[in-house]
Each structure stands twice: as C-alpha cells, then as structure tokens.
Amino acid sequence: LYKQKKKKKKKKISLIEEISYMKIELHLQPLLIMTKLSFQLRIKKIIIKKSNYTYYKAQIQFFFAFFFFLGGGGFFFFFFFFLVRRFFQNPFFFLSFFTHLFLFIYL
C-alpha cells in the first residue's frame, strides 16, 4: 500500500507539469509567433536545469505581471535586458530577434 501511494504522487506531479505547459502555450499565443517557440524551449530548459517547479512558475508570473502592468512598452523594456544578456552569449540571436520583430511589424 505504501508503494502504491508513492507511485500515485509521482503521477500527480507529471499532470501538474502538463497543465502548466498548456497554460504557458495559451499565454504566449498573443505574443510574437516567432519568439513563442523559443520561449517554450527556454522554459523547458529551465525546468530541466533547475528541476524546481516553483522557480520557473515564479519567473513566468513575474514576466507576465511586468507585461500586463506596463503594457507593450514595458514588455520591450524588459525584453531589452534579456537581449543584452543574450547578446554577449550569442550575437546572432540579437540579429535574429530584430528580423522577427521586423517581420511581425511588416506583416
């Protein structure tokens, strides 16, 4: 009985993770379609690296709170710091973001 209870708990955690992935996908739909995929990959990488549900959940909540309170301008202001940090890691990512942004505005 004790072993069966432990197994059930593990299944519940996996379900929570699946629901959270669905929630993230719904939140990112109104954002840039090009960057949506990269965000999803980044979130999954954070989960694999940290393996802490609360850490990534808090990070997502902060990001969306920043986006909704300060509007579109606040979103790009927050994204600018992310880009600067990423620019030193990979300069081509910086260029690819602006091409995606240009395509989004142009379309």
Protein backbone atom coordinates (compact mmCIF):
# COMPACT_ATOMS: atom_id res chain seq x y z
CA LEU A 1 0.00 0.00 0.00
CA TYR A 2 2.81 2.40 0.84
CA LYS A 3 4.49 1.81 -2.53
CA GLN A 4 1.23 2.35 -4.41
CA LYS A 5 0.70 5.71 -2.68
CA LYS A 6 4.17 6.87 -3.70
CA LYS A 7 3.52 5.95 -7.33
CA LYS A 8 0.25 7.89 -7.35
CA LYS A 9 2.02 11.02 -6.07
CA LYS A 10 4.51 10.88 -8.94
CA LYS A 11 1.69 10.73 -11.49
CA LYS A 12 0.04 13.83 -9.98
CA ILE A 13 3.24 15.86 -10.33
CA SER A 14 3.52 14.94 -14.02
CA LEU A 15 -0.09 16.03 -14.60
CA ILE A 16 0.60 19.41 -12.98
CA GLU A 17 3.58 19.87 -15.30
CA GLU A 18 1.46 19.03 -18.36
CA ILE A 19 -1.23 21.54 -17.31
CA SER A 20 1.44 24.20 -16.73
CA TYR A 21 2.81 23.64 -20.26
CA MET A 22 -0.70 24.12 -21.65
CA LYS A 23 -1.12 27.34 -19.64
CA ILE A 24 2.22 28.69 -20.92
CA GLU A 25 1.19 27.95 -24.51
CA LEU A 26 -2.11 29.82 -24.03
CA HIS A 27 -0.32 32.82 -22.51
CA LEU A 28 2.24 33.04 -25.31
CA GLN A 29 -0.27 32.85 -28.19
CA PRO A 30 -0.90 36.64 -28.34
CA LEU A 31 2.88 37.36 -28.29
CA LEU A 32 5.19 37.13 -31.28
CA ILE A 33 4.70 33.81 -33.07
CA MET A 34 8.41 33.53 -33.90
CA THR A 35 9.59 34.10 -30.31
CA LYS A 36 6.79 31.90 -28.87
CA LEU A 37 8.64 28.71 -29.80
CA SER A 38 11.96 29.96 -28.42
CA PHE A 39 10.25 30.93 -25.13
CA GLN A 40 8.72 27.47 -24.80
CA LEU A 41 12.12 25.87 -25.38
CA ARG A 42 13.73 28.23 -22.87
CA ILE A 43 11.10 27.42 -20.22
CA LYS A 44 11.60 23.67 -20.76
CA LYS A 45 15.39 24.12 -20.47
CA ILE A 46 14.96 25.98 -17.16
CA ILE A 47 12.79 23.12 -15.83
CA ILE A 48 15.40 20.53 -16.86
CA LYS A 49 18.30 22.56 -15.41
CA LYS A 50 16.75 23.67 -12.13
CA SER A 51 14.17 20.85 -11.73
CA ASN A 52 12.23 23.19 -9.44
CA TYR A 53 8.58 23.87 -10.29
CA THR A 54 8.21 26.95 -8.04
CA TYR A 55 11.29 28.70 -9.53
CA TYR A 56 10.07 28.63 -13.13
CA LYS A 57 6.45 29.35 -12.11
CA ALA A 58 7.55 32.48 -10.22
CA GLN A 59 9.68 33.60 -13.17
CA ILE A 60 6.73 33.27 -15.58
CA GLN A 61 4.38 35.10 -13.19
CA PHE A 62 6.87 37.98 -12.86
CA PHE A 63 7.27 38.23 -16.63
CA PHE A 64 3.52 38.36 -17.32
CA ALA A 65 2.87 40.75 -14.42
CA PHE A 66 5.51 43.08 -15.89
CA PHE A 67 3.93 42.75 -19.35
CA PHE A 68 0.33 43.40 -18.26
CA PHE A 69 1.03 46.28 -15.84
CA LEU A 70 3.40 48.29 -18.03
CA GLY A 71 1.84 47.31 -21.36
CA GLY A 72 3.65 46.74 -24.64
CA GLY A 73 6.37 49.31 -23.88
CA GLY A 74 7.16 47.61 -20.58
CA PHE A 75 7.36 44.26 -22.34
CA PHE A 76 10.02 45.53 -24.75
CA PHE A 77 11.85 47.32 -21.92
CA PHE A 78 12.03 44.01 -20.03
CA PHE A 79 12.96 42.14 -23.23
CA PHE A 80 15.80 44.60 -23.93
CA PHE A 81 17.69 43.47 -20.82
CA PHE A 82 17.13 39.85 -21.83
CA LEU A 83 18.53 40.65 -25.29
CA VAL A 84 21.60 42.45 -23.91
CA ARG A 85 22.34 39.47 -21.65
CA ARG A 86 21.82 37.09 -24.59
CA PHE A 87 23.87 39.26 -26.98
CA PHE A 88 27.10 38.50 -25.10
CA GLN A 89 26.31 34.77 -25.23
CA ASN A 90 25.23 34.66 -28.89
CA PRO A 91 25.43 37.78 -31.14
CA PHE A 92 23.38 36.11 -33.90
CA PHE A 93 20.37 35.79 -31.59
CA PHE A 94 20.32 39.60 -31.28
CA LEU A 95 20.09 39.96 -35.06
CA SER A 96 17.51 37.18 -35.44
CA PHE A 97 15.20 38.84 -32.90
CA PHE A 98 15.15 42.10 -34.86
CA THR A 99 14.42 40.23 -38.10
CA HIS A 100 11.49 38.51 -36.36
CA LEU A 101 10.29 41.84 -34.98
CA PHE A 102 10.56 43.47 -38.42
CA LEU A 103 8.58 40.62 -40.00
CA PHE A 104 5.92 40.89 -37.28
CA ILE A 105 5.52 44.67 -37.82
CA TYR A 106 5.69 44.32 -41.63
CA LEU A 107 3.06 41.54 -41.74
